[in-house]
Amino acid sequence: MNRAAAAVTAPARGQVRDLMQHRLERALRERVRYRYVQPRVLREGGNFRIQSPCCSRNVDPSGGLIDIALLIPHEGGRWCLCARDHVNNTWVSRFQNEPLDVLLDALCIDTEREFWP
């Protein structure tokens, strides 16, 4: 394949990230907790930060947007999923080196309320 053909068929880097962002947004629509709010997926370099209105008002009494999770890609299609420690204003790793589907299940089901406080 010549360079011109490769340039036409290879997706631009931004397009790949847009597809990943869409995939995350679609998965979040199927979550168990707080289904009536619309979380936001934000790109930060190669990472994805998820924000949501604070429905429980445990973190933000006014119900404003709070950070829910941070997804960090690793080599080989593996990911790290972090939860926000709102008291200390830091990210805490909850799952490391897992396939994205496993992490999305953990995030969307969240039986321990680690991500959706």
PDB file of N, CA and C in Angstrom:
ATOM      1  N   MET A   1       0.854  -1.166   0.000  1.00  0.00           N
ATOM      2  CA  MET A   1       0.000   0.000   0.000  1.00  0.00           C
ATOM      3  C   MET A   1       0.905   1.236   0.000  1.00  0.00           C
ATOM      4  N   ASN A   2       0.579   2.196  -0.842  1.00  0.00           N
ATOM      5  CA  ASN A   2       1.406   3.394  -0.876  1.00  0.00           C
ATOM      6  C   ASN A   2       0.993   4.357   0.232  1.00  0.00           C
ATOM      7  N   ARG A   3       1.811   5.383   0.450  1.00  0.00           N
ATOM      8  CA  ARG A   3       1.554   6.326   1.550  1.00  0.00           C
ATOM      9  C   ARG A   3       0.233   7.067   1.394  1.00  0.00           C
ATOM     10  N   ALA A   4      -0.096   7.455   0.181  1.00  0.00           N
ATOM     11  CA  ALA A   4      -1.345   8.198  -0.043  1.00  0.00           C
ATOM     12  C   ALA A   4      -2.550   7.337   0.335  1.00  0.00           C
ATOM     13  N   ALA A   5      -2.526   6.077  -0.054  1.00  0.00           N
ATOM     14  CA  ALA A   5      -3.636   5.181   0.273  1.00  0.00           C
ATOM     15  C   ALA A   5      -3.702   4.938   1.780  1.00  0.00           C
ATOM     16  N   ALA A   6      -2.550   4.783   2.412  1.00  0.00           N
ATOM     17  CA  ALA A   6      -2.522   4.570   3.861  1.00  0.00           C
ATOM     18  C   ALA A   6      -3.069   5.788   4.599  1.00  0.00           C
ATOM     19  N   ALA A   7      -2.754   6.970   4.124  1.00  0.00           N
ATOM     20  CA  ALA A   7      -3.235   8.191   4.760  1.00  0.00           C
ATOM     21  C   ALA A   7      -4.753   8.306   4.656  1.00  0.00           C
ATOM     22  N   VAL A   8      -5.313   7.824   3.572  1.00  0.00           N
ATOM     23  CA  VAL A   8      -6.761   7.909   3.384  1.00  0.00           C
ATOM     24  C   VAL A   8      -7.481   6.887   4.248  1.00  0.00           C
ATOM     25  N   THR A   9      -6.927   5.674   4.386  1.00  0.00           N
ATOM     26  CA  THR A   9      -7.631   4.608   5.096  1.00  0.00           C
ATOM     27  C   THR A   9      -7.388   4.611   6.596  1.00  0.00           C
ATOM     28  N   ALA A  10      -6.287   5.177   7.059  1.00  0.00           N
ATOM     29  CA  ALA A  10      -5.996   5.176   8.491  1.00  0.00           C
ATOM     30  C   ALA A  10      -6.811   6.268   9.182  1.00  0.00           C
ATOM     31  N   PRO A  11      -7.514   5.930  10.269  1.00  0.00           N
ATOM     32  CA  PRO A  11      -8.283   6.957  10.964  1.00  0.00           C
ATOM     33  C   PRO A  11      -7.351   7.946  11.655  1.00  0.00           C
ATOM     34  N   ALA A  12      -7.758   9.178  11.697  1.00  0.00           N
ATOM     35  CA  ALA A  12      -6.994  10.186  12.421  1.00  0.00           C
ATOM     36  C   ALA A  12      -7.075   9.883  13.908  1.00  0.00           C
ATOM     37  N   ARG A  13      -6.060  10.290  14.633  1.00  0.00           N
ATOM     38  CA  ARG A  13      -6.007   9.995  16.057  1.00  0.00           C
ATOM     39  C   ARG A  13      -7.243  10.524  16.795  1.00  0.00           C
ATOM     40  N   GLY A  14      -7.699  11.717  16.474  1.00  0.00           N
ATOM     41  CA  GLY A  14      -8.881  12.291  17.102  1.00  0.00           C
ATOM     42  C   GLY A  14     -10.131  11.487  16.827  1.00  0.00           C
ATOM     43  N   GLN A  15     -10.217  10.887  15.655  1.00  0.00           N
ATOM     44  CA  GLN A  15     -11.385  10.080  15.319  1.00  0.00           C
ATOM     45  C   GLN A  15     -11.457   8.846  16.198  1.00  0.00           C
ATOM     46  N   VAL A  16     -10.329   8.239  16.472  1.00  0.00           N
ATOM     47  CA  VAL A  16     -10.310   7.052  17.328  1.00  0.00           C
ATOM     48  C   VAL A  16     -10.785   7.430  18.723  1.00  0.00           C
ATOM     49  N   ARG A  17     -10.318   8.534  19.234  1.00  0.00           N
ATOM     50  CA  ARG A  17     -10.741   8.967  20.562  1.00  0.00           C
ATOM     51  C   ARG A  17     -12.226   9.316  20.571  1.00  0.00           C
ATOM     52  N   ASP A  18     -12.718   9.902  19.499  1.00  0.00           N
ATOM     53  CA  ASP A  18     -14.141  10.219  19.440  1.00  0.00           C
ATOM     54  C   ASP A  18     -14.971   8.942  19.498  1.00  0.00           C
ATOM     55  N   LEU A  19     -14.516   7.891  18.837  1.00  0.00           N
ATOM     56  CA  LEU A  19     -15.225   6.614  18.901  1.00  0.00           C
ATOM     57  C   LEU A  19     -15.198   6.043  20.315  1.00  0.00           C
ATOM     58  N   MET A  20     -14.076   6.186  20.988  1.00  0.00           N
ATOM     59  CA  MET A  20     -13.964   5.693  22.359  1.00  0.00           C
ATOM     60  C   MET A  20     -14.879   6.505  23.278  1.00  0.00           C
ATOM     61  N   GLN A  21     -14.914   7.795  23.094  1.00  0.00           N
ATOM     62  CA  GLN A  21     -15.784   8.637  23.906  1.00  0.00           C
ATOM     63  C   GLN A  21     -17.243   8.242  23.694  1.00  0.00           C
ATOM     64  N   HIS A  22     -17.608   7.986  22.459  1.00  0.00           N
ATOM     65  CA  HIS A  22     -18.976   7.554  22.144  1.00  0.00           C
ATOM     66  C   HIS A  22     -19.280   6.212  22.815  1.00  0.00           C
ATOM     67  N   ARG A  23     -18.327   5.310  22.786  1.00  0.00           N
ATOM     68  CA  ARG A  23     -18.514   3.996  23.418  1.00  0.00           C
ATOM     69  C   ARG A  23     -18.753   4.148  24.924  1.00  0.00           C
ATOM     70  N   LEU A  24     -17.981   5.020  25.562  1.00  0.00           N
ATOM     71  CA  LEU A  24     -18.140   5.245  26.995  1.00  0.00           C
ATOM     72  C   LEU A  24     -19.500   5.875  27.302  1.00  0.00           C
ATOM     73  N   GLU A  25     -19.886   6.856  26.510  1.00  0.00           N
ATOM     74  CA  GLU A  25     -21.187   7.509  26.711  1.00  0.00           C
ATOM     75  C   GLU A  25     -22.334   6.516  26.560  1.00  0.00           C
ATOM     76  N   ARG A  26     -22.222   5.638  25.570  1.00  0.00           N
ATOM     77  CA  ARG A  26     -23.263   4.630  25.341  1.00  0.00           C
ATOM     78  C   ARG A  26     -23.335   3.663  26.521  1.00  0.00           C
ATOM     79  N   ALA A  27     -22.188   3.234  27.031  1.00  0.00           N
ATOM     80  CA  ALA A  27     -22.167   2.315  28.173  1.00  0.00           C
ATOM     81  C   ALA A  27     -22.783   2.970  29.409  1.00  0.00           C
ATOM     82  N   LEU A  28     -22.506   4.246  29.621  1.00  0.00           N
ATOM     83  CA  LEU A  28     -23.028   4.942  30.798  1.00  0.00           C
ATOM     84  C   LEU A  28     -24.545   5.095  30.763  1.00  0.00           C
ATOM     85  N   ARG A  29     -25.120   5.081  29.592  1.00  0.00           N
ATOM     86  CA  ARG A  29     -26.586   5.150  29.492  1.00  0.00           C
ATOM     87  C   ARG A  29     -27.246   3.891  30.053  1.00  0.00           C
ATOM     88  N   GLU A  30     -26.497   2.812  30.173  1.00  0.00           N
ATOM     89  CA  GLU A  30     -27.024   1.535  30.666  1.00  0.00           C
ATOM     90  C   GLU A  30     -26.721   1.303  32.139  1.00  0.00           C
ATOM     91  N   ARG A  31     -26.245   2.321  32.853  1.00  0.00           N
ATOM     92  CA  ARG A  31     -25.848   2.136  34.248  1.00  0.00           C
ATOM     93  C   ARG A  31     -27.076   1.878  35.135  1.00  0.00           C
ATOM     94  N   VAL A  32     -26.805   1.417  36.329  1.00  0.00           N
ATOM     95  CA  VAL A  32     -27.857   1.076  37.277  1.00  0.00           C
ATOM     96  C   VAL A  32     -28.228   2.286  38.136  1.00  0.00           C
ATOM     97  N   ARG A  33     -27.245   3.006  38.638  1.00  0.00           N
ATOM     98  CA  ARG A  33     -27.466   4.092  39.584  1.00  0.00           C
ATOM     99  C   ARG A  33     -27.695   5.423  38.867  1.00  0.00           C
ATOM    100  N   TYR A  34     -28.640   6.214  39.318  1.00  0.00           N
ATOM    101  CA  TYR A  34     -28.917   7.562  38.820  1.00  0.00           C
ATOM    102  C   TYR A  34     -29.097   7.606  37.303  1.00  0.00           C
ATOM    103  N   ARG A  35     -29.979   6.779  36.820  1.00  0.00           N
ATOM    104  CA  ARG A  35     -30.222   6.679  35.377  1.00  0.00           C
ATOM    105  C   ARG A  35     -30.858   7.933  34.797  1.00  0.00           C
ATOM    106  N   TYR A  36     -31.440   8.773  35.603  1.00  0.00           N
ATOM    107  CA  TYR A  36     -32.157   9.946  35.108  1.00  0.00           C
ATOM    108  C   TYR A  36     -31.256  11.155  34.878  1.00  0.00           C
ATOM    109  N   VAL A  37     -29.979  11.077  35.201  1.00  0.00           N
ATOM    110  CA  VAL A  37     -29.060  12.182  34.916  1.00  0.00           C
ATOM    111  C   VAL A  37     -28.162  11.816  33.741  1.00  0.00           C
ATOM    112  N   GLN A  38     -27.585  12.813  33.137  1.00  0.00           N
ATOM    113  CA  GLN A  38     -26.708  12.585  31.990  1.00  0.00           C
ATOM    114  C   GLN A  38     -25.267  12.899  32.364  1.00  0.00           C
ATOM    115  N   PRO A  39     -24.460  11.854  32.583  1.00  0.00           N
ATOM    116  CA  PRO A  39     -23.052  12.094  32.870  1.00  0.00           C
ATOM    117  C   PRO A  39     -22.322  12.614  31.628  1.00  0.00           C
ATOM    118  N   ARG A  40     -21.217  13.277  31.856  1.00  0.00           N
ATOM    119  CA  ARG A  40     -20.388  13.790  30.763  1.00  0.00           C
ATOM    120  C   ARG A  40     -19.074  13.023  30.731  1.00  0.00           C
ATOM    121  N   VAL A  41     -18.615  12.716  29.519  1.00  0.00           N
ATOM    122  CA  VAL A  41     -17.325  12.074  29.322  1.00  0.00           C
ATOM    123  C   VAL A  41     -16.402  13.128  28.726  1.00  0.00           C
ATOM    124  N   LEU A  42     -15.323  13.424  29.440  1.00  0.00           N
ATOM    125  CA  LEU A  42     -14.375  14.445  29.015  1.00  0.00           C
ATOM    126  C   LEU A  42     -13.017  13.812  28.737  1.00  0.00           C
ATOM    127  N   ARG A  43     -12.406  14.222  27.652  1.00  0.00           N
ATOM    128  CA  ARG A  43     -11.065  13.723  27.341  1.00  0.00           C
ATOM    129  C   ARG A  43     -10.032  14.609  28.019  1.00  0.00           C
ATOM    130  N   GLU A  44      -9.045  13.957  28.608  1.00  0.00           N
ATOM    131  CA  GLU A  44      -7.907  14.656  29.204  1.00  0.00           C
ATOM    132  C   GLU A  44      -6.652  13.947  28.729  1.00  0.00           C
ATOM    133  N   GLY A  45      -6.083  14.442  27.641  1.00  0.00           N
ATOM    134  CA  GLY A  45      -4.974  13.733  27.016  1.00  0.00           C
ATOM    135  C   GLY A  45      -5.491  12.407  26.512  1.00  0.00           C
ATOM    136  N   GLY A  46      -4.887  11.320  26.924  1.00  0.00           N
ATOM    137  CA  GLY A  46      -5.352   9.996  26.535  1.00  0.00           C
ATOM    138  C   GLY A  46      -6.348   9.401  27.514  1.00  0.00           C
ATOM    139  N   ASN A  47      -6.639  10.095  28.608  1.00  0.00           N
ATOM    140  CA  ASN A  47      -7.546   9.603  29.643  1.00  0.00           C
ATOM    141  C   ASN A  47      -8.957  10.129  29.417  1.00  0.00           C
ATOM    142  N   PHE A  48      -9.911   9.515  30.117  1.00  0.00           N
ATOM    143  CA  PHE A  48     -11.301   9.939  30.046  1.00  0.00           C
ATOM    144  C   PHE A  48     -11.819  10.164  31.463  1.00  0.00           C
ATOM    145  N   ARG A  49     -12.276  11.380  31.725  1.00  0.00           N
ATOM    146  CA  ARG A  49     -12.830  11.737  33.029  1.00  0.00           C
ATOM    147  C   ARG A  49     -14.349  11.801  32.900  1.00  0.00           C
ATOM    148  N   ILE A  50     -15.043  11.218  33.859  1.00  0.00           N
ATOM    149  CA  ILE A  50     -16.506  11.183  33.825  1.00  0.00           C
ATOM    150  C   ILE A  50     -17.032  12.048  34.962  1.00  0.00           C
ATOM    151  N   GLN A  51     -17.942  12.945  34.608  1.00  0.00           N
ATOM    152  CA  GLN A  51     -18.603  13.812  35.569  1.00  0.00           C
ATOM    153  C   GLN A  51     -20.103  13.545  35.530  1.00  0.00           C
ATOM    154  N   SER A  52     -20.756  13.830  36.658  1.00  0.00           N
ATOM    155  CA  SER A  52     -22.201  13.667  36.726  1.00  0.00           C
ATOM    156  C   SER A  52     -22.768  14.655  37.741  1.00  0.00           C
ATOM    157  N   PRO A  53     -24.006  15.072  37.551  1.00  0.00           N
ATOM    158  CA  PRO A  53     -24.654  15.842  38.612  1.00  0.00           C
ATOM    159  C   PRO A  53     -24.707  15.003  39.887  1.00  0.00           C
ATOM    160  N   CYS A  54     -24.547  15.649  41.016  1.00  0.00           N
ATOM    161  CA  CYS A  54     -24.530  14.962  42.314  1.00  0.00           C
ATOM    162  C   CYS A  54     -25.955  14.798  42.823  1.00  0.00           C
ATOM    163  N   CYS A  55     -26.590  13.721  42.412  1.00  0.00           N
ATOM    164  CA  CYS A  55     -28.006  13.492  42.755  1.00  0.00           C
ATOM    165  C   CYS A  55     -28.217  13.233  44.234  1.00  0.00           C
ATOM    166  N   SER A  56     -27.310  12.538  44.865  1.00  0.00           N
ATOM    167  CA  SER A  56     -27.466  12.215  46.284  1.00  0.00           C
ATOM    168  C   SER A  56     -27.226  13.435  47.163  1.00  0.00           C
ATOM    169  N   ARG A  57     -26.551  14.414  46.609  1.00  0.00           N
ATOM    170  CA  ARG A  57     -26.169  15.649  47.322  1.00  0.00           C
ATOM    171  C   ARG A  57     -25.219  15.357  48.474  1.00  0.00           C
ATOM    172  N   ASN A  58     -24.604  14.159  48.468  1.00  0.00           N
ATOM    173  CA  ASN A  58     -23.616  13.801  49.491  1.00  0.00           C
ATOM    174  C   ASN A  58     -22.319  14.577  49.314  1.00  0.00           C
ATOM    175  N   VAL A  59     -21.942  14.860  48.082  1.00  0.00           N
ATOM    176  CA  VAL A  59     -20.687  15.542  47.793  1.00  0.00           C
ATOM    177  C   VAL A  59     -20.929  17.028  47.558  1.00  0.00           C
ATOM    178  N   ASP A  60     -21.919  17.335  46.762  1.00  0.00           N
ATOM    179  CA  ASP A  60     -22.255  18.723  46.441  1.00  0.00           C
ATOM    180  C   ASP A  60     -23.726  18.956  46.811  1.00  0.00           C
ATOM    181  N   PRO A  61     -23.988  19.653  47.911  1.00  0.00           N
ATOM    182  CA  PRO A  61     -25.365  19.876  48.350  1.00  0.00           C
ATOM    183  C   PRO A  61     -26.246  20.585  47.326  1.00  0.00           C
ATOM    184  N   SER A  62     -25.631  21.317  46.404  1.00  0.00           N
ATOM    185  CA  SER A  62     -26.423  22.011  45.383  1.00  0.00           C
ATOM    186  C   SER A  62     -26.715  21.130  44.173  1.00  0.00           C
ATOM    187  N   GLY A  63     -26.147  19.922  44.144  1.00  0.00           N
ATOM    188  CA  GLY A  63     -26.400  19.009  43.029  1.00  0.00           C
ATOM    189  C   GLY A  63     -25.590  19.302  41.789  1.00  0.00           C
ATOM    190  N   GLY A  64     -24.499  20.041  41.928  1.00  0.00           N
ATOM    191  CA  GLY A  64     -23.656  20.389  40.784  1.00  0.00           C
ATOM    192  C   GLY A  64     -22.878  19.204  40.234  1.00  0.00           C
ATOM    193  N   LEU A  65     -22.137  19.456  39.165  1.00  0.00           N
ATOM    194  CA  LEU A  65     -21.320  18.412  38.546  1.00  0.00           C
ATOM    195  C   LEU A  65     -20.158  18.025  39.449  1.00  0.00           C
ATOM    196  N   ILE A  66     -19.951  16.719  39.595  1.00  0.00           N
ATOM    197  CA  ILE A  66     -18.802  16.203  40.345  1.00  0.00           C
ATOM    198  C   ILE A  66     -18.093  15.159  39.502  1.00  0.00           C
ATOM    199  N   ASP A  67     -16.818  14.962  39.773  1.00  0.00           N
ATOM    200  CA  ASP A  67     -16.067  13.902  39.113  1.00  0.00           C
ATOM    201  C   ASP A  67     -16.505  12.554  39.670  1.00  0.00           C
ATOM    202  N   ILE A  68     -16.707  11.601  38.766  1.00  0.00           N
ATOM    203  CA  ILE A  68     -17.167  10.262  39.141  1.00  0.00           C
ATOM    204  C   ILE A  68     -16.054   9.234  38.978  1.00  0.00           C
ATOM    205  N   ALA A  69     -15.414   9.263  37.805  1.00  0.00           N
ATOM    206  CA  ALA A  69     -14.414   8.236  37.496  1.00  0.00           C
ATOM    207  C   ALA A  69     -13.393   8.775  36.517  1.00  0.00           C
ATOM    208  N   LEU A  70     -12.242   8.111  36.490  1.00  0.00           N
ATOM    209  CA  LEU A  70     -11.185   8.398  35.537  1.00  0.00           C
ATOM    210  C   LEU A  70     -10.742   7.074  34.934  1.00  0.00           C
ATOM    211  N   LEU A  71     -10.782   6.989  33.609  1.00  0.00           N
ATOM    212  CA  LEU A  71     -10.330   5.796  32.886  1.00  0.00           C
ATOM    213  C   LEU A  71      -9.002   6.118  32.223  1.00  0.00           C
ATOM    214  N   ILE A  72      -8.008   5.288  32.492  1.00  0.00           N
ATOM    215  CA  ILE A  72      -6.656   5.503  31.968  1.00  0.00           C
ATOM    216  C   ILE A  72      -6.265   4.296  31.118  1.00  0.00           C
ATOM    217  N   PRO A  73      -6.011   4.503  29.822  1.00  0.00           N
ATOM    218  CA  PRO A  73      -5.639   3.376  28.969  1.00  0.00           C
ATOM    219  C   PRO A  73      -4.194   2.939  29.220  1.00  0.00           C
ATOM    220  N   HIS A  74      -3.982   1.636  29.103  1.00  0.00           N
ATOM    221  CA  HIS A  74      -2.645   1.056  29.195  1.00  0.00           C
ATOM    222  C   HIS A  74      -2.395   0.239  27.932  1.00  0.00           C
ATOM    223  N   GLU A  75      -1.202  -0.242  27.770  1.00  0.00           N
ATOM    224  CA  GLU A  75      -0.869  -1.035  26.586  1.00  0.00           C
ATOM    225  C   GLU A  75      -1.640  -2.344  26.577  1.00  0.00           C
ATOM    226  N   GLY A  76      -1.841  -2.859  25.393  1.00  0.00           N
ATOM    227  CA  GLY A  76      -2.482  -4.155  25.238  1.00  0.00           C
ATOM    228  C   GLY A  76      -3.977  -4.135  25.464  1.00  0.00           C
ATOM    229  N   GLY A  77      -4.598  -2.979  25.339  1.00  0.00           N
ATOM    230  CA  GLY A  77      -6.047  -2.905  25.507  1.00  0.00           C
ATOM    231  C   GLY A  77      -6.512  -2.990  26.950  1.00  0.00           C
ATOM    232  N   ARG A  78      -5.609  -2.789  27.872  1.00  0.00           N
ATOM    233  CA  ARG A  78      -5.952  -2.819  29.300  1.00  0.00           C
ATOM    234  C   ARG A  78      -6.156  -1.396  29.802  1.00  0.00           C
ATOM    235  N   TRP A  79      -6.910  -1.270  30.903  1.00  0.00           N
ATOM    236  CA  TRP A  79      -7.258   0.036  31.444  1.00  0.00           C
ATOM    237  C   TRP A  79      -7.158   0.037  32.961  1.00  0.00           C
ATOM    238  N   CYS A  80      -7.073   1.239  33.506  1.00  0.00           N
ATOM    239  CA  CYS A  80      -7.155   1.473  34.944  1.00  0.00           C
ATOM    240  C   CYS A  80      -8.406   2.317  35.184  1.00  0.00           C
ATOM    241  N   LEU A  81      -9.162   1.990  36.217  1.00  0.00           N
ATOM    242  CA  LEU A  81     -10.346   2.751  36.580  1.00  0.00           C
ATOM    243  C   LEU A  81     -10.145   3.322  37.979  1.00  0.00           C
ATOM    244  N   CYS A  82     -10.250   4.647  38.075  1.00  0.00           N
ATOM    245  CA  CYS A  82     -10.074   5.344  39.346  1.00  0.00           C
ATOM    246  C   CYS A  82     -11.392   5.975  39.775  1.00  0.00           C
ATOM    247  N   ALA A  83     -11.599   6.001  41.077  1.00  0.00           N
ATOM    248  CA  ALA A  83     -12.749   6.690  41.668  1.00  0.00           C
ATOM    249  C   ALA A  83     -12.238   7.980  42.298  1.00  0.00           C
ATOM    250  N   ARG A  84     -13.115   8.950  42.430  1.00  0.00           N
ATOM    251  CA  ARG A  84     -12.730  10.234  43.026  1.00  0.00           C
ATOM    252  C   ARG A  84     -12.909  10.179  44.536  1.00  0.00           C
ATOM    253  N   ASP A  85     -11.856  10.513  45.250  1.00  0.00           N
ATOM    254  CA  ASP A  85     -11.929  10.714  46.696  1.00  0.00           C
ATOM    255  C   ASP A  85     -12.228  12.197  46.877  1.00  0.00           C
ATOM    256  N   HIS A  86     -13.490  12.516  47.100  1.00  0.00           N
ATOM    257  CA  HIS A  86     -13.916  13.910  47.160  1.00  0.00           C
ATOM    258  C   HIS A  86     -13.423  14.617  48.419  1.00  0.00           C
ATOM    259  N   VAL A  87     -13.189  13.886  49.487  1.00  0.00           N
ATOM    260  CA  VAL A  87     -12.707  14.489  50.721  1.00  0.00           C
ATOM    261  C   VAL A  87     -11.270  14.993  50.535  1.00  0.00           C
ATOM    262  N   ASN A  88     -10.429  14.161  49.902  1.00  0.00           N
ATOM    263  CA  ASN A  88      -9.021  14.513  49.724  1.00  0.00           C
ATOM    264  C   ASN A  88      -8.712  15.102  48.356  1.00  0.00           C
ATOM    265  N   ASN A  89      -9.738  15.199  47.510  1.00  0.00           N
ATOM    266  CA  ASN A  89      -9.585  15.790  46.178  1.00  0.00           C
ATOM    267  C   ASN A  89      -8.509  15.077  45.345  1.00  0.00           C
ATOM    268  N   THR A  90      -8.559  13.734  45.361  1.00  0.00           N
ATOM    269  CA  THR A  90      -7.596  12.927  44.612  1.00  0.00           C
ATOM    270  C   THR A  90      -8.317  11.776  43.909  1.00  0.00           C
ATOM    271  N   TRP A  91      -7.616  11.154  42.970  1.00  0.00           N
ATOM    272  CA  TRP A  91      -8.110   9.950  42.307  1.00  0.00           C
ATOM    273  C   TRP A  91      -7.539   8.734  43.015  1.00  0.00           C
ATOM    274  N   VAL A  92      -8.361   7.713  43.214  1.00  0.00           N
ATOM    275  CA  VAL A  92      -7.945   6.479  43.869  1.00  0.00           C
ATOM    276  C   VAL A  92      -8.187   5.328  42.897  1.00  0.00           C
ATOM    277  N   SER A  93      -7.137   4.587  42.600  1.00  0.00           N
ATOM    278  CA  SER A  93      -7.248   3.459  41.685  1.00  0.00           C
ATOM    279  C   SER A  93      -8.088   2.353  42.322  1.00  0.00           C
ATOM    280  N   ARG A  94      -9.106   1.898  41.599  1.00  0.00           N
ATOM    281  CA  ARG A  94      -9.960   0.811  42.081  1.00  0.00           C
ATOM    282  C   ARG A  94      -9.719  -0.479  41.310  1.00  0.00           C
ATOM    283  N   PHE A  95      -9.406  -0.361  40.027  1.00  0.00           N
ATOM    284  CA  PHE A  95      -9.138  -1.521  39.175  1.00  0.00           C
ATOM    285  C   PHE A  95      -7.943  -1.183  38.292  1.00  0.00           C
ATOM    286  N   GLN A  96      -7.040  -2.135  38.137  1.00  0.00           N
ATOM    287  CA  GLN A  96      -5.864  -1.911  37.303  1.00  0.00           C
ATOM    288  C   GLN A  96      -5.689  -3.045  36.309  1.00  0.00           C
ATOM    289  N   ASN A  97      -5.210  -2.674  35.128  1.00  0.00           N
ATOM    290  CA  ASN A  97      -4.814  -3.647  34.119  1.00  0.00           C
ATOM    291  C   ASN A  97      -5.947  -4.605  33.753  1.00  0.00           C
ATOM    292  N   GLU A  98      -7.126  -4.050  33.515  1.00  0.00           N
ATOM    293  CA  GLU A  98      -8.306  -4.845  33.168  1.00  0.00           C
ATOM    294  C   GLU A  98      -8.806  -4.463  31.781  1.00  0.00           C
ATOM    295  N   PRO A  99      -9.536  -5.360  31.115  1.00  0.00           N
ATOM    296  CA  PRO A  99     -10.180  -4.991  29.847  1.00  0.00           C
ATOM    297  C   PRO A  99     -11.245  -3.916  30.101  1.00  0.00           C
ATOM    298  N   LEU A 100     -11.465  -3.083  29.116  1.00  0.00           N
ATOM    299  CA  LEU A 100     -12.408  -1.978  29.261  1.00  0.00           C
ATOM    300  C   LEU A 100     -13.816  -2.462  29.615  1.00  0.00           C
ATOM    301  N   ASP A 101     -14.274  -3.539  29.019  1.00  0.00           N
ATOM    302  CA  ASP A 101     -15.623  -4.037  29.294  1.00  0.00           C
ATOM    303  C   ASP A 101     -15.817  -4.380  30.774  1.00  0.00           C
ATOM    304  N   VAL A 102     -14.801  -4.956  31.388  1.00  0.00           N
ATOM    305  CA  VAL A 102     -14.875  -5.299  32.815  1.00  0.00           C
ATOM    306  C   VAL A 102     -15.016  -4.025  33.644  1.00  0.00           C
ATOM    307  N   LEU A 103     -14.257  -2.998  33.283  1.00  0.00           N
ATOM    308  CA  LEU A 103     -14.304  -1.745  34.038  1.00  0.00           C
ATOM    309  C   LEU A 103     -15.614  -1.008  33.831  1.00  0.00           C
ATOM    310  N   LEU A 104     -16.140  -1.046  32.623  1.00  0.00           N
ATOM    311  CA  LEU A 104     -17.428  -0.397  32.377  1.00  0.00           C
ATOM    312  C   LEU A 104     -18.544  -1.075  33.164  1.00  0.00           C
ATOM    313  N   ASP A 105     -18.480  -2.396  33.280  1.00  0.00           N
ATOM    314  CA  ASP A 105     -19.463  -3.107  34.105  1.00  0.00           C
ATOM    315  C   ASP A 105     -19.354  -2.654  35.562  1.00  0.00           C
ATOM    316  N   ALA A 106     -18.125  -2.576  36.074  1.00  0.00           N
ATOM    317  CA  ALA A 106     -17.925  -2.148  37.464  1.00  0.00           C
ATOM    318  C   ALA A 106     -18.443  -0.731  37.674  1.00  0.00           C
ATOM    319  N   LEU A 107     -18.191   0.143  36.729  1.00  0.00           N
ATOM    320  CA  LEU A 107     -18.622   1.531  36.829  1.00  0.00           C
ATOM    321  C   LEU A 107     -20.137   1.666  36.733  1.00  0.00           C
ATOM    322  N   CYS A 108     -20.739   0.940  35.838  1.00  0.00           N
ATOM    323  CA  CYS A 108     -22.179   1.083  35.602  1.00  0.00           C
ATOM    324  C   CYS A 108     -23.037   0.369  36.635  1.00  0.00           C
ATOM    325  N   ILE A 109     -22.534  -0.689  37.223  1.00  0.00           N
ATOM    326  CA  ILE A 109     -23.297  -1.410  38.249  1.00  0.00           C
ATOM    327  C   ILE A 109     -23.035  -0.804  39.627  1.00  0.00           C
ATOM    328  N   ASP A 110     -21.796  -0.627  39.995  1.00  0.00           N
ATOM    329  CA  ASP A 110     -21.354   0.100  41.190  1.00  0.00           C
ATOM    330  C   ASP A 110     -22.151  -0.245  42.448  1.00  0.00           C
ATOM    331  N   THR A 111     -22.172  -1.512  42.801  1.00  0.00           N
ATOM    332  CA  THR A 111     -22.933  -1.943  43.980  1.00  0.00           C
ATOM    333  C   THR A 111     -22.395  -1.333  45.284  1.00  0.00           C
ATOM    334  N   GLU A 112     -21.121  -1.004  45.330  1.00  0.00           N
ATOM    335  CA  GLU A 112     -20.502  -0.443  46.541  1.00  0.00           C
ATOM    336  C   GLU A 112     -20.543   1.082  46.579  1.00  0.00           C
ATOM    337  N   ARG A 113     -21.121   1.700  45.562  1.00  0.00           N
ATOM    338  CA  ARG A 113     -21.199   3.165  45.461  1.00  0.00           C
ATOM    339  C   ARG A 113     -19.828   3.825  45.557  1.00  0.00           C
ATOM    340  N   GLU A 114     -18.854   3.212  44.909  1.00  0.00           N
ATOM    341  CA  GLU A 114     -17.509   3.799  44.871  1.00  0.00           C
ATOM    342  C   GLU A 114     -17.435   4.960  43.892  1.00  0.00           C
ATOM    343  N   PHE A 115     -18.246   4.898  42.838  1.00  0.00           N
ATOM    344  CA  PHE A 115     -18.167   5.890  41.780  1.00  0.00           C
ATOM    345  C   PHE A 115     -19.330   6.859  41.812  1.00  0.00           C
ATOM    346  N   TRP A 116     -20.503   6.386  42.136  1.00  0.00           N
ATOM    347  CA  TRP A 116     -21.715   7.219  42.182  1.00  0.00           C
ATOM    348  C   TRP A 116     -22.101   7.419  43.645  1.00  0.00           C
ATOM    349  N   PRO A 117     -21.459   8.360  44.333  1.00  0.00           N
ATOM    350  CA  PRO A 117     -21.676   8.512  45.794  1.00  0.00           C
ATOM    351  C   PRO A 117     -23.055   9.076  46.118  1.00  0.00           C
TER     352      PRO A 117
END
